[in-house]
């Protein structure tokens, strides 16, 4: 079968690998849609693991089911998750499933940018959702990223009526804008360097948007009855964005870190301005758990999210190198979808 083998962001080759053989409890999925995630572009994070087949926003059809598989059968249309938690350890029992050791070890084989993927038994048990009629493969591939957003909002104690500022309106940031808007945020604002992304944020539910270097705290106060944001969601890893995030959060508010910075850079914060008398909460989120996937699928199935409008490019597997280039340049690309069967 054909796979998209990642060597670097500018070197993704179409190569051949055997179709994986499945064992008891496992399934083989024929992939129809696989989105390029911003995390796929973190070259510094992959440097010691290349060459590798990336891709984890995946939807397809079960074409083989191993002995003992329960709940799924050949022909089922599914969305699948690469990492799954055990749901039994200390971290899972305390609501931090995505820090589970099992989640960090599990993965499907060989990755999402290929024609077929093998799901180990634990992934079949905890990392597969069946797609209802009316939910396309493209929408199904968005279960994972929407699940990440659902999880982030829950950890940030989002509730209807809050003013939300999303900093970085790439694909992940746009999902935060859209989901927060659909779930009843009072006002949603977006910040980015790209005029194209800012325009997209307005179509996805932002009441107004600001360029990142445009005095964001003052602009925010002017459009939010003198207050800053109750919830600031950071979807950009630039040190400047991190520094600006805490200047945009209102007293009693929360800053949610939903993106890594490049490398493991130290970050300094004005301790007293944030915590002394102001009760600011800084928190983070990573990935999604099975319950997040189910909630994401329910949102997608409702038809209230603008997922189709987010997909700007659809490419066959033979053009995966071009897909990475489009996603990296981010000139007119929001979500690049790879269709491995083309």
C-alpha atoms as a PDB file:
ATOM      1  CA  UNK A   1       0.000   0.000   0.000  1.00  0.00           C
ATOM      2  CA  UNK A   2       1.033   3.628  -0.364  1.00  0.00           C
ATOM      3  CA  UNK A   3       2.074   5.621   2.701  1.00  0.00           C
ATOM      4  CA  UNK A   4       3.103   9.237   3.187  1.00  0.00           C
ATOM      5  CA  UNK A   5       6.518   8.903   4.874  1.00  0.00           C
ATOM      6  CA  UNK A   6       7.547  11.990   6.845  1.00  0.00           C
ATOM      7  CA  UNK A   7      11.241  12.931   6.906  1.00  0.00           C
ATOM      8  CA  UNK A   8      10.784  16.658   7.553  1.00  0.00           C
ATOM      9  CA  UNK A   9       8.152  19.302   6.883  1.00  0.00           C
ATOM     10  CA  UNK A  10       9.628  19.832   3.416  1.00  0.00           C
ATOM     11  CA  UNK A  11      10.318  16.160   2.682  1.00  0.00           C
ATOM     12  CA  UNK A  12       7.255  13.894   2.820  1.00  0.00           C
ATOM     13  CA  UNK A  13       7.548  11.023   0.349  1.00  0.00           C
ATOM     14  CA  UNK A  14       5.055   8.521  -1.048  1.00  0.00           C
ATOM     15  CA  UNK A  15       6.513   5.083  -0.335  1.00  0.00           C
ATOM     16  CA  UNK A  16       5.305   1.491  -0.280  1.00  0.00           C
ATOM     17  CA  UNK A  17       4.698  -0.674   2.792  1.00  0.00           C
ATOM     18  CA  UNK A  18       2.874  -3.990   3.240  1.00  0.00           C
ATOM     19  CA  UNK A  19      -0.755  -3.775   4.292  1.00  0.00           C
ATOM     20  CA  UNK A  20      -0.681  -4.482   8.063  1.00  0.00           C
ATOM     21  CA  UNK A  21      -1.850  -7.937   9.175  1.00  0.00           C
ATOM     22  CA  UNK A  22      -4.359  -7.956  11.984  1.00  0.00           C
ATOM     23  CA  UNK A  23      -4.603 -10.295  14.961  1.00  0.00           C
ATOM     24  CA  UNK A  24      -7.293 -11.245  17.473  1.00  0.00           C
ATOM     25  CA  UNK A  25      -9.307  -8.264  18.664  1.00  0.00           C
ATOM     26  CA  UNK A  26      -7.886  -6.002  15.963  1.00  0.00           C
ATOM     27  CA  UNK A  27      -9.417  -4.367  12.895  1.00  0.00           C
ATOM     28  CA  UNK A  28      -8.103  -3.053   9.586  1.00  0.00           C
ATOM     29  CA  UNK A  29      -9.507   0.290   8.464  1.00  0.00           C
ATOM     30  CA  UNK A  30      -9.469   1.582   4.894  1.00  0.00           C
ATOM     31  CA  UNK A  31      -8.766   5.294   5.342  1.00  0.00           C
ATOM     32  CA  UNK A  32     -10.897   7.733   3.372  1.00  0.00           C
ATOM     33  CA  UNK A  33     -10.030  11.027   5.096  1.00  0.00           C
ATOM     34  CA  UNK A  34      -7.013  12.114   7.128  1.00  0.00           C
ATOM     35  CA  UNK A  35      -6.498  15.731   8.139  1.00  0.00           C
ATOM     36  CA  UNK A  36      -3.126  17.430   8.577  1.00  0.00           C
ATOM     37  CA  UNK A  37      -2.949  18.724  12.151  1.00  0.00           C
ATOM     38  CA  UNK A  38      -0.777  21.586  13.329  1.00  0.00           C
ATOM     39  CA  UNK A  39       1.034  19.095  15.555  1.00  0.00           C
ATOM     40  CA  UNK A  40       2.069  17.141  12.447  1.00  0.00           C
ATOM     41  CA  UNK A  41       4.163  20.205  11.550  1.00  0.00           C
ATOM     42  CA  UNK A  42       6.160  20.258  14.812  1.00  0.00           C
ATOM     43  CA  UNK A  43       9.441  19.293  13.154  1.00  0.00           C
ATOM     44  CA  UNK A  44      11.422  19.811  16.373  1.00  0.00           C
ATOM     45  CA  UNK A  45       9.203  17.235  18.083  1.00  0.00           C
ATOM     46  CA  UNK A  46       9.748  14.578  15.380  1.00  0.00           C
ATOM     47  CA  UNK A  47      13.462  15.053  14.785  1.00  0.00           C
ATOM     48  CA  UNK A  48      14.513  11.882  16.604  1.00  0.00           C
ATOM     49  CA  UNK A  49      11.736   9.657  15.217  1.00  0.00           C
ATOM     50  CA  UNK A  50      11.920  10.065  11.451  1.00  0.00           C
ATOM     51  CA  UNK A  51      11.149   8.539   9.066  1.00  0.00           C
ATOM     52  CA  UNK A  52       7.612   8.037  10.349  1.00  0.00           C
ATOM     53  CA  UNK A  53       4.053   7.868   9.025  1.00  0.00           C
ATOM     54  CA  UNK A  54       2.139  10.663  10.725  1.00  0.00           C
ATOM     55  CA  UNK A  55      -1.585  11.451  10.712  1.00  0.00           C
ATOM     56  CA  UNK A  56      -4.067  10.992  13.527  1.00  0.00           C
ATOM     57  CA  UNK A  57      -7.283  12.717  12.371  1.00  0.00           C
ATOM     58  CA  UNK A  58      -8.658   9.664  10.633  1.00  0.00           C
ATOM     59  CA  UNK A  59     -11.955   8.268   9.359  1.00  0.00           C
ATOM     60  CA  UNK A  60     -12.600   5.255   7.167  1.00  0.00           C
ATOM     61  CA  UNK A  61     -14.282   1.886   6.731  1.00  0.00           C
ATOM     62  CA  UNK A  62     -13.569  -1.357   8.573  1.00  0.00           C
ATOM     63  CA  UNK A  63     -12.516  -3.902   5.948  1.00  0.00           C
ATOM     64  CA  UNK A  64     -11.256  -6.695   8.222  1.00  0.00           C
ATOM     65  CA  UNK A  65     -12.142  -7.663  11.787  1.00  0.00           C
ATOM     66  CA  UNK A  66     -10.078 -10.106  13.835  1.00  0.00           C
ATOM     67  CA  UNK A  67     -11.343 -12.961  15.950  1.00  0.00           C
ATOM     68  CA  UNK A  68     -13.139 -11.756  19.070  1.00  0.00           C
ATOM     69  CA  UNK A  69     -13.892  -8.197  17.946  1.00  0.00           C
ATOM     70  CA  UNK A  70     -17.100  -7.052  19.589  1.00  0.00           C
ATOM     71  CA  UNK A  71     -19.234  -4.039  18.744  1.00  0.00           C
ATOM     72  CA  UNK A  72     -17.839  -3.441  15.251  1.00  0.00           C
ATOM     73  CA  UNK A  73     -18.012  -5.323  11.953  1.00  0.00           C
ATOM     74  CA  UNK A  74     -16.749  -5.156   8.389  1.00  0.00           C
ATOM     75  CA  UNK A  75     -18.449  -2.306   6.565  1.00  0.00           C
ATOM     76  CA  UNK A  76     -18.796   0.000   9.567  1.00  0.00           C
ATOM     77  CA  UNK A  77     -17.892   3.629   8.907  1.00  0.00           C
ATOM     78  CA  UNK A  78     -15.725   4.821  11.786  1.00  0.00           C
ATOM     79  CA  UNK A  79     -13.538   7.559  13.219  1.00  0.00           C
ATOM     80  CA  UNK A  80     -10.470   6.207  15.021  1.00  0.00           C
ATOM     81  CA  UNK A  81      -8.118   7.563  17.676  1.00  0.00           C
ATOM     82  CA  UNK A  82      -4.381   6.901  17.742  1.00  0.00           C
ATOM     83  CA  UNK A  83      -3.769   7.263  21.511  1.00  0.00           C
ATOM     84  CA  UNK A  84      -6.132   5.756  24.101  1.00  0.00           C
ATOM     85  CA  UNK A  85      -6.019   5.788  27.920  1.00  0.00           C
ATOM     86  CA  UNK A  86      -6.493   2.778  30.179  1.00  0.00           C
ATOM     87  CA  UNK A  87      -9.358   4.409  32.160  1.00  0.00           C
ATOM     88  CA  UNK A  88      -8.176   2.539  35.297  1.00  0.00           C
ATOM     89  CA  UNK A  89      -5.020   4.284  36.551  1.00  0.00           C
ATOM     90  CA  UNK A  90      -4.663   7.177  38.999  1.00  0.00           C
ATOM     91  CA  UNK A  91      -4.562   9.749  36.184  1.00  0.00           C
ATOM     92  CA  UNK A  92      -7.650   8.405  34.454  1.00  0.00           C
ATOM     93  CA  UNK A  93      -9.617   8.140  37.670  1.00  0.00           C
ATOM     94  CA  UNK A  94      -8.844  11.785  38.507  1.00  0.00           C
ATOM     95  CA  UNK A  95      -9.961  13.088  35.110  1.00  0.00           C
ATOM     96  CA  UNK A  96      -6.534  13.429  33.504  1.00  0.00           C
ATOM     97  CA  UNK A  97      -6.874  10.587  30.991  1.00  0.00           C
ATOM     98  CA  UNK A  98      -4.540  12.203  28.478  1.00  0.00           C
ATOM     99  CA  UNK A  99      -1.616  12.025  30.923  1.00  0.00           C
ATOM    100  CA  UNK A 100      -2.116   8.247  31.298  1.00  0.00           C
ATOM    101  CA  UNK A 101       0.959   6.074  30.648  1.00  0.00           C
ATOM    102  CA  UNK A 102      -1.098   3.802  28.389  1.00  0.00           C
ATOM    103  CA  UNK A 103      -2.183   6.748  26.255  1.00  0.00           C
ATOM    104  CA  UNK A 104       1.462   7.699  25.783  1.00  0.00           C
ATOM    105  CA  UNK A 105       2.368   4.168  24.632  1.00  0.00           C
ATOM    106  CA  UNK A 106      -0.569   3.335  22.362  1.00  0.00           C
ATOM    107  CA  UNK A 107      -0.791   4.094  18.651  1.00  0.00           C
ATOM    108  CA  UNK A 108      -2.224   2.646  15.479  1.00  0.00           C
ATOM    109  CA  UNK A 109      -0.103   1.087  12.738  1.00  0.00           C
ATOM    110  CA  UNK A 110       1.513   2.658  10.794  1.00  0.00           C
ATOM    111  CA  UNK A 111      -0.238   6.071  10.914  1.00  0.00           C
ATOM    112  CA  UNK A 112      -3.022   8.082   9.362  1.00  0.00           C
ATOM    113  CA  UNK A 113      -1.379   9.115   6.096  1.00  0.00           C
ATOM    114  CA  UNK A 114      -1.681   5.773   4.321  1.00  0.00           C
ATOM    115  CA  UNK A 115      -4.282   3.594   2.628  1.00  0.00           C
ATOM    116  CA  UNK A 116      -4.927   1.134   5.488  1.00  0.00           C
ATOM    117  CA  UNK A 117      -4.338   1.265   9.230  1.00  0.00           C
ATOM    118  CA  UNK A 118      -4.297  -1.529  11.809  1.00  0.00           C
ATOM    119  CA  UNK A 119      -5.968  -0.822  15.125  1.00  0.00           C
ATOM    120  CA  UNK A 120      -4.617  -2.768  18.120  1.00  0.00           C
ATOM    121  CA  UNK A 121      -7.237  -4.354  20.364  1.00  0.00           C
ATOM    122  CA  UNK A 122      -7.147  -1.599  22.997  1.00  0.00           C
ATOM    123  CA  UNK A 123      -7.715   1.022  20.290  1.00  0.00           C
ATOM    124  CA  UNK A 124     -10.703  -0.964  19.022  1.00  0.00           C
ATOM    125  CA  UNK A 125     -12.132  -1.057  22.524  1.00  0.00           C
ATOM    126  CA  UNK A 126     -11.532   2.590  23.464  1.00  0.00           C
ATOM    127  CA  UNK A 127     -10.644   4.566  20.353  1.00  0.00           C
ATOM    128  CA  UNK A 128     -13.338   3.904  17.742  1.00  0.00           C
ATOM    129  CA  UNK A 129     -16.656   5.672  17.223  1.00  0.00           C
ATOM    130  CA  UNK A 130     -19.135   4.602  14.554  1.00  0.00           C
ATOM    131  CA  UNK A 131     -20.166   7.383  12.182  1.00  0.00           C
ATOM    132  CA  UNK A 132     -23.920   7.920  11.908  1.00  0.00           C
ATOM    133  CA  UNK A 133     -25.633   8.308   8.557  1.00  0.00           C
ATOM    134  CA  UNK A 134     -25.264  11.898   7.450  1.00  0.00           C
ATOM    135  CA  UNK A 135     -21.771  12.355   8.925  1.00  0.00           C
ATOM    136  CA  UNK A 136     -19.208  12.263   6.120  1.00  0.00           C
ATOM    137  CA  UNK A 137     -15.725  10.797   6.337  1.00  0.00           C
ATOM    138  CA  UNK A 138     -14.335  14.338   6.284  1.00  0.00           C
ATOM    139  CA  UNK A 139     -16.477  15.303   9.252  1.00  0.00           C
ATOM    140  CA  UNK A 140     -15.613  12.011  10.921  1.00  0.00           C
ATOM    141  CA  UNK A 141     -11.915  12.805  10.675  1.00  0.00           C
ATOM    142  CA  UNK A 142     -12.637  15.928  12.742  1.00  0.00           C
ATOM    143  CA  UNK A 143     -13.855  13.955  15.762  1.00  0.00           C
ATOM    144  CA  UNK A 144     -10.334  13.952  17.227  1.00  0.00           C
ATOM    145  CA  UNK A 145      -9.618  17.706  16.914  1.00  0.00           C
ATOM    146  CA  UNK A 146     -13.132  18.661  18.035  1.00  0.00           C
ATOM    147  CA  UNK A 147     -12.689  16.272  20.972  1.00  0.00           C
ATOM    148  CA  UNK A 148      -9.515  18.142  21.917  1.00  0.00           C
ATOM    149  CA  UNK A 149     -11.466  21.418  21.932  1.00  0.00           C
ATOM    150  CA  UNK A 150     -14.333  19.946  23.958  1.00  0.00           C
ATOM    151  CA  UNK A 151     -11.808  18.717  26.519  1.00  0.00           C
ATOM    152  CA  UNK A 152      -9.985  22.060  26.638  1.00  0.00           C
ATOM    153  CA  UNK A 153     -13.171  24.008  27.262  1.00  0.00           C
ATOM    154  CA  UNK A 154     -14.213  21.640  30.036  1.00  0.00           C
ATOM    155  CA  UNK A 155     -10.825  21.883  31.782  1.00  0.00           C
ATOM    156  CA  UNK A 156     -11.003  25.669  31.478  1.00  0.00           C
ATOM    157  CA  UNK A 157     -14.440  25.606  33.170  1.00  0.00           C
ATOM    158  CA  UNK A 158     -16.133  27.206  30.169  1.00  0.00           C
ATOM    159  CA  UNK A 159     -19.783  28.093  30.631  1.00  0.00           C
ATOM    160  CA  UNK A 160     -22.310  30.006  28.519  1.00  0.00           C
ATOM    161  CA  UNK A 161     -22.082  33.778  28.746  1.00  0.00           C
ATOM    162  CA  UNK A 162     -18.312  34.023  29.171  1.00  0.00           C
ATOM    163  CA  UNK A 163     -16.254  36.342  27.013  1.00  0.00           C
ATOM    164  CA  UNK A 164     -13.700  34.216  25.145  1.00  0.00           C
ATOM    165  CA  UNK A 165     -10.538  35.392  23.401  1.00  0.00           C
ATOM    166  CA  UNK A 166      -8.825  32.879  21.091  1.00  0.00           C
ATOM    167  CA  UNK A 167      -5.215  33.761  20.321  1.00  0.00           C
ATOM    168  CA  UNK A 168      -4.074  32.030  17.133  1.00  0.00           C
ATOM    169  CA  UNK A 169      -6.892  31.303  14.692  1.00  0.00           C
ATOM    170  CA  UNK A 170      -5.428  28.462  12.682  1.00  0.00           C
ATOM    171  CA  UNK A 171      -7.454  25.263  12.392  1.00  0.00           C
ATOM    172  CA  UNK A 172      -7.388  24.501  16.137  1.00  0.00           C
ATOM    173  CA  UNK A 173      -8.154  28.097  17.085  1.00  0.00           C
ATOM    174  CA  UNK A 174     -11.043  28.241  14.635  1.00  0.00           C
ATOM    175  CA  UNK A 175     -12.519  25.125  16.207  1.00  0.00           C
ATOM    176  CA  UNK A 176     -12.319  26.820  19.612  1.00  0.00           C
ATOM    177  CA  UNK A 177     -14.040  29.901  18.162  1.00  0.00           C
ATOM    178  CA  UNK A 178     -16.771  27.811  16.565  1.00  0.00           C
ATOM    179  CA  UNK A 179     -17.409  25.433  19.478  1.00  0.00           C
ATOM    180  CA  UNK A 180     -17.406  28.256  22.071  1.00  0.00           C
ATOM    181  CA  UNK A 181     -19.859  30.208  19.911  1.00  0.00           C
ATOM    182  CA  UNK A 182     -22.147  27.188  19.435  1.00  0.00           C
ATOM    183  CA  UNK A 183     -22.058  26.379  23.162  1.00  0.00           C
ATOM    184  CA  UNK A 184     -23.251  29.864  24.091  1.00  0.00           C
ATOM    185  CA  UNK A 185     -20.234  32.080  24.786  1.00  0.00           C
ATOM    186  CA  UNK A 186     -21.269  35.674  25.445  1.00  0.00           C
ATOM    187  CA  UNK A 187     -18.734  37.176  23.070  1.00  0.00           C
ATOM    188  CA  UNK A 188     -15.945  35.461  21.149  1.00  0.00           C
ATOM    189  CA  UNK A 189     -12.920  37.404  19.876  1.00  0.00           C
ATOM    190  CA  UNK A 190      -9.999  36.216  17.754  1.00  0.00           C
ATOM    191  CA  UNK A 191      -6.362  37.324  17.455  1.00  0.00           C
ATOM    192  CA  UNK A 192      -3.900  36.360  14.729  1.00  0.00           C
ATOM    193  CA  UNK A 193      -1.275  37.759  12.373  1.00  0.00           C
ATOM    194  CA  UNK A 194      -3.068  36.520   9.243  1.00  0.00           C
ATOM    195  CA  UNK A 195      -5.915  38.608   7.759  1.00  0.00           C
ATOM    196  CA  UNK A 196      -7.248  35.464   6.073  1.00  0.00           C
ATOM    197  CA  UNK A 197      -7.476  33.619   9.385  1.00  0.00           C
ATOM    198  CA  UNK A 198      -9.047  36.605  11.113  1.00  0.00           C
ATOM    199  CA  UNK A 199     -11.715  36.776   8.423  1.00  0.00           C
ATOM    200  CA  UNK A 200     -12.329  33.051   8.880  1.00  0.00           C
ATOM    201  CA  UNK A 201     -12.693  33.546  12.644  1.00  0.00           C
ATOM    202  CA  UNK A 202     -15.476  36.057  12.053  1.00  0.00           C
ATOM    203  CA  UNK A 203     -17.350  33.560   9.891  1.00  0.00           C
ATOM    204  CA  UNK A 204     -16.931  30.890  12.562  1.00  0.00           C
ATOM    205  CA  UNK A 205     -18.501  32.977  15.348  1.00  0.00           C
ATOM    206  CA  UNK A 206     -16.061  35.695  16.473  1.00  0.00           C
ATOM    207  CA  UNK A 207     -17.860  38.991  17.013  1.00  0.00           C
ATOM    208  CA  UNK A 208     -14.626  40.853  16.228  1.00  0.00           C
ATOM    209  CA  UNK A 209     -10.974  40.110  15.560  1.00  0.00           C
ATOM    210  CA  UNK A 210      -7.689  41.917  16.149  1.00  0.00           C
ATOM    211  CA  UNK A 211      -4.264  41.737  14.631  1.00  0.00           C
ATOM    212  CA  UNK A 212      -1.784  40.404  17.158  1.00  0.00           C
ATOM    213  CA  UNK A 213       0.255  43.593  17.245  1.00  0.00           C
ATOM    214  CA  UNK A 214      -2.735  45.892  17.485  1.00  0.00           C
ATOM    215  CA  UNK A 215      -2.938  46.690  21.210  1.00  0.00           C
ATOM    216  CA  UNK A 216      -5.172  43.733  21.924  1.00  0.00           C
ATOM    217  CA  UNK A 217      -5.978  44.427  25.621  1.00  0.00           C
ATOM    218  CA  UNK A 218      -7.163  47.974  24.858  1.00  0.00           C
ATOM    219  CA  UNK A 219      -9.153  46.835  21.818  1.00  0.00           C
ATOM    220  CA  UNK A 220     -10.711  44.100  23.872  1.00  0.00           C
ATOM    221  CA  UNK A 221     -11.815  46.488  26.634  1.00  0.00           C
ATOM    222  CA  UNK A 222     -13.275  48.861  24.072  1.00  0.00           C
ATOM    223  CA  UNK A 223     -15.539  46.144  22.696  1.00  0.00           C
ATOM    224  CA  UNK A 224     -16.348  44.290  25.906  1.00  0.00           C
ATOM    225  CA  UNK A 225     -17.844  46.901  28.254  1.00  0.00           C
ATOM    226  CA  UNK A 226     -14.453  47.792  29.691  1.00  0.00           C
ATOM    227  CA  UNK A 227     -13.483  44.275  30.638  1.00  0.00           C
ATOM    228  CA  UNK A 228     -10.876  41.850  29.405  1.00  0.00           C
ATOM    229  CA  UNK A 229     -11.719  38.236  28.498  1.00  0.00           C
ATOM    230  CA  UNK A 230     -13.037  35.750  31.053  1.00  0.00           C
ATOM    231  CA  UNK A 231     -11.297  32.977  29.154  1.00  0.00           C
ATOM    232  CA  UNK A 232      -8.175  33.375  27.014  1.00  0.00           C
ATOM    233  CA  UNK A 233      -7.352  30.348  24.870  1.00  0.00           C
ATOM    234  CA  UNK A 234      -3.805  30.256  23.561  1.00  0.00           C
ATOM    235  CA  UNK A 235      -3.495  28.306  20.306  1.00  0.00           C
ATOM    236  CA  UNK A 236      -0.146  29.812  19.327  1.00  0.00           C
ATOM    237  CA  UNK A 237       3.252  28.957  20.746  1.00  0.00           C
ATOM    238  CA  UNK A 238       5.120  32.191  20.049  1.00  0.00           C
ATOM    239  CA  UNK A 239       6.686  33.712  23.186  1.00  0.00           C
ATOM    240  CA  UNK A 240       5.042  37.034  22.296  1.00  0.00           C
ATOM    241  CA  UNK A 241       1.607  35.416  22.317  1.00  0.00           C
ATOM    242  CA  UNK A 242       2.270  33.753  25.665  1.00  0.00           C
ATOM    243  CA  UNK A 243       3.352  37.084  27.130  1.00  0.00           C
ATOM    244  CA  UNK A 244       0.297  38.836  25.749  1.00  0.00           C
ATOM    245  CA  UNK A 245      -2.170  36.189  26.943  1.00  0.00           C
ATOM    246  CA  UNK A 246      -1.997  37.144  30.614  1.00  0.00           C
ATOM    247  CA  UNK A 247      -2.485  40.813  29.762  1.00  0.00           C
ATOM    248  CA  UNK A 248      -5.811  39.948  28.128  1.00  0.00           C
ATOM    249  CA  UNK A 249      -7.491  38.002  30.946  1.00  0.00           C
ATOM    250  CA  UNK A 250     -10.009  39.597  33.300  1.00  0.00           C
ATOM    251  CA  UNK A 251      -9.850  39.300  37.119  1.00  0.00           C
ATOM    252  CA  UNK A 252     -11.056  35.836  38.108  1.00  0.00           C
ATOM    253  CA  UNK A 253     -10.502  34.587  34.581  1.00  0.00           C
ATOM    254  CA  UNK A 254      -8.627  31.672  33.060  1.00  0.00           C
ATOM    255  CA  UNK A 255      -5.833  31.285  30.525  1.00  0.00           C
ATOM    256  CA  UNK A 256      -5.934  27.929  28.744  1.00  0.00           C
ATOM    257  CA  UNK A 257      -2.705  26.800  27.077  1.00  0.00           C
ATOM    258  CA  UNK A 258      -3.664  24.582  24.149  1.00  0.00           C
ATOM    259  CA  UNK A 259      -0.422  24.684  22.154  1.00  0.00           C
ATOM    260  CA  UNK A 260       3.234  24.040  22.973  1.00  0.00           C
ATOM    261  CA  UNK A 261       5.957  26.613  22.498  1.00  0.00           C
ATOM    262  CA  UNK A 262       8.809  25.759  20.178  1.00  0.00           C
ATOM    263  CA  UNK A 263      11.098  23.586  22.249  1.00  0.00           C
ATOM    264  CA  UNK A 264      10.995  23.646  26.032  1.00  0.00           C
ATOM    265  CA  UNK A 265      11.604  27.345  26.561  1.00  0.00           C
ATOM    266  CA  UNK A 266      11.303  28.890  30.041  1.00  0.00           C
ATOM    267  CA  UNK A 267       8.542  31.476  30.381  1.00  0.00           C
ATOM    268  CA  UNK A 268       8.475  34.308  32.905  1.00  0.00           C
ATOM    269  CA  UNK A 269       5.211  35.597  34.350  1.00  0.00           C
ATOM    270  CA  UNK A 270       4.320  38.620  36.519  1.00  0.00           C
ATOM    271  CA  UNK A 271       3.372  36.604  39.584  1.00  0.00           C
ATOM    272  CA  UNK A 272       1.642  39.281  41.647  1.00  0.00           C
ATOM    273  CA  UNK A 273      -0.276  40.755  38.700  1.00  0.00           C
ATOM    274  CA  UNK A 274      -1.716  37.346  37.934  1.00  0.00           C
ATOM    275  CA  UNK A 275      -2.277  35.736  41.288  1.00  0.00           C
ATOM    276  CA  UNK A 276      -2.160  38.302  44.114  1.00  0.00           C
ATOM    277  CA  UNK A 277      -5.720  39.688  44.480  1.00  0.00           C
ATOM    278  CA  UNK A 278      -6.722  38.748  40.927  1.00  0.00           C
ATOM    279  CA  UNK A 279      -7.414  35.012  41.165  1.00  0.00           C
ATOM    280  CA  UNK A 280      -6.234  34.229  37.646  1.00  0.00           C
ATOM    281  CA  UNK A 281      -6.125  30.524  36.731  1.00  0.00           C
ATOM    282  CA  UNK A 282      -3.525  29.196  34.319  1.00  0.00           C
ATOM    283  CA  UNK A 283      -4.254  25.722  33.011  1.00  0.00           C
ATOM    284  CA  UNK A 284      -3.494  23.480  30.071  1.00  0.00           C
ATOM    285  CA  UNK A 285      -5.004  20.744  27.940  1.00  0.00           C
ATOM    286  CA  UNK A 286      -3.657  17.926  25.807  1.00  0.00           C
ATOM    287  CA  UNK A 287      -5.402  15.575  23.414  1.00  0.00           C
ATOM    288  CA  UNK A 288      -8.762  13.940  23.997  1.00  0.00           C
ATOM    289  CA  UNK A 289     -10.230  10.947  25.823  1.00  0.00           C
ATOM    290  CA  UNK A 290     -13.040   8.566  24.765  1.00  0.00           C
ATOM    291  CA  UNK A 291     -15.759  10.656  26.424  1.00  0.00           C
ATOM    292  CA  UNK A 292     -14.486  13.729  24.565  1.00  0.00           C
ATOM    293  CA  UNK A 293     -14.765  11.868  21.256  1.00  0.00           C
ATOM    294  CA  UNK A 294     -18.373  10.933  21.973  1.00  0.00           C
ATOM    295  CA  UNK A 295     -19.224  14.525  22.850  1.00  0.00           C
ATOM    296  CA  UNK A 296     -17.435  15.748  19.734  1.00  0.00           C
ATOM    297  CA  UNK A 297     -19.360  13.350  17.521  1.00  0.00           C
ATOM    298  CA  UNK A 298     -22.652  14.529  19.027  1.00  0.00           C
ATOM    299  CA  UNK A 299     -21.716  18.128  18.218  1.00  0.00           C
ATOM    300  CA  UNK A 300     -20.692  17.212  14.676  1.00  0.00           C
ATOM    301  CA  UNK A 301     -23.857  15.198  14.157  1.00  0.00           C
ATOM    302  CA  UNK A 302     -25.974  18.169  15.261  1.00  0.00           C
ATOM    303  CA  UNK A 303     -24.789  20.040  12.178  1.00  0.00           C
ATOM    304  CA  UNK A 304     -24.115  23.196  14.192  1.00  0.00           C
ATOM    305  CA  UNK A 305     -20.366  23.329  13.526  1.00  0.00           C
ATOM    306  CA  UNK A 306     -18.959  24.794  10.307  1.00  0.00           C
ATOM    307  CA  UNK A 307     -16.484  22.002   9.648  1.00  0.00           C
ATOM    308  CA  UNK A 308     -16.942  21.775   5.886  1.00  0.00           C
ATOM    309  CA  UNK A 309     -16.075  25.451   5.542  1.00  0.00           C
ATOM    310  CA  UNK A 310     -12.798  24.866   7.338  1.00  0.00           C
ATOM    311  CA  UNK A 311     -11.455  22.415   4.744  1.00  0.00           C
ATOM    312  CA  UNK A 312      -9.658  24.550   2.184  1.00  0.00           C
ATOM    313  CA  UNK A 313      -7.737  21.833   0.336  1.00  0.00           C
ATOM    314  CA  UNK A 314      -8.466  18.189  -0.543  1.00  0.00           C
ATOM    315  CA  UNK A 315      -5.530  16.235  -1.926  1.00  0.00           C
ATOM    316  CA  UNK A 316      -4.782  12.648  -2.855  1.00  0.00           C
ATOM    317  CA  UNK A 317      -2.035  10.775  -1.027  1.00  0.00           C
ATOM    318  CA  UNK A 318       0.288  11.365  -3.980  1.00  0.00           C
ATOM    319  CA  UNK A 319       0.202  15.087  -3.191  1.00  0.00           C
ATOM    320  CA  UNK A 320       0.895  14.802   0.531  1.00  0.00           C
ATOM    321  CA  UNK A 321       4.151  16.744   0.172  1.00  0.00           C
ATOM    322  CA  UNK A 322       2.171  19.617  -1.309  1.00  0.00           C
ATOM    323  CA  UNK A 323      -0.330  19.300   1.524  1.00  0.00           C
ATOM    324  CA  UNK A 324       2.381  19.744   4.136  1.00  0.00           C
ATOM    325  CA  UNK A 325       3.764  22.730   2.244  1.00  0.00           C
ATOM    326  CA  UNK A 326       0.332  24.381   2.108  1.00  0.00           C
ATOM    327  CA  UNK A 327      -0.277  23.750   5.799  1.00  0.00           C
ATOM    328  CA  UNK A 328       3.177  25.049   6.733  1.00  0.00           C
ATOM    329  CA  UNK A 329       2.931  28.233   4.660  1.00  0.00           C
ATOM    330  CA  UNK A 330      -0.618  28.870   5.926  1.00  0.00           C
ATOM    331  CA  UNK A 331      -1.248  31.507   3.264  1.00  0.00           C
ATOM    332  CA  UNK A 332      -4.676  30.327   2.186  1.00  0.00           C
ATOM    333  CA  UNK A 333      -4.881  26.992   3.985  1.00  0.00           C
ATOM    334  CA  UNK A 334      -6.934  26.268   7.080  1.00  0.00           C
ATOM    335  CA  UNK A 335      -7.483  22.495   7.112  1.00  0.00           C
ATOM    336  CA  UNK A 336      -5.742  20.358   4.491  1.00  0.00           C
ATOM    337  CA  UNK A 337      -7.481  17.014   4.020  1.00  0.00           C
ATOM    338  CA  UNK A 338      -5.617  14.017   2.606  1.00  0.00           C
ATOM    339  CA  UNK A 339      -7.772  11.422   0.818  1.00  0.00           C
ATOM    340  CA  UNK A 340      -5.578   8.276   0.731  1.00  0.00           C
ATOM    341  CA  UNK A 341      -7.810   6.370  -1.706  1.00  0.00           C
ATOM    342  CA  UNK A 342      -7.314   8.971  -4.457  1.00  0.00           C
END
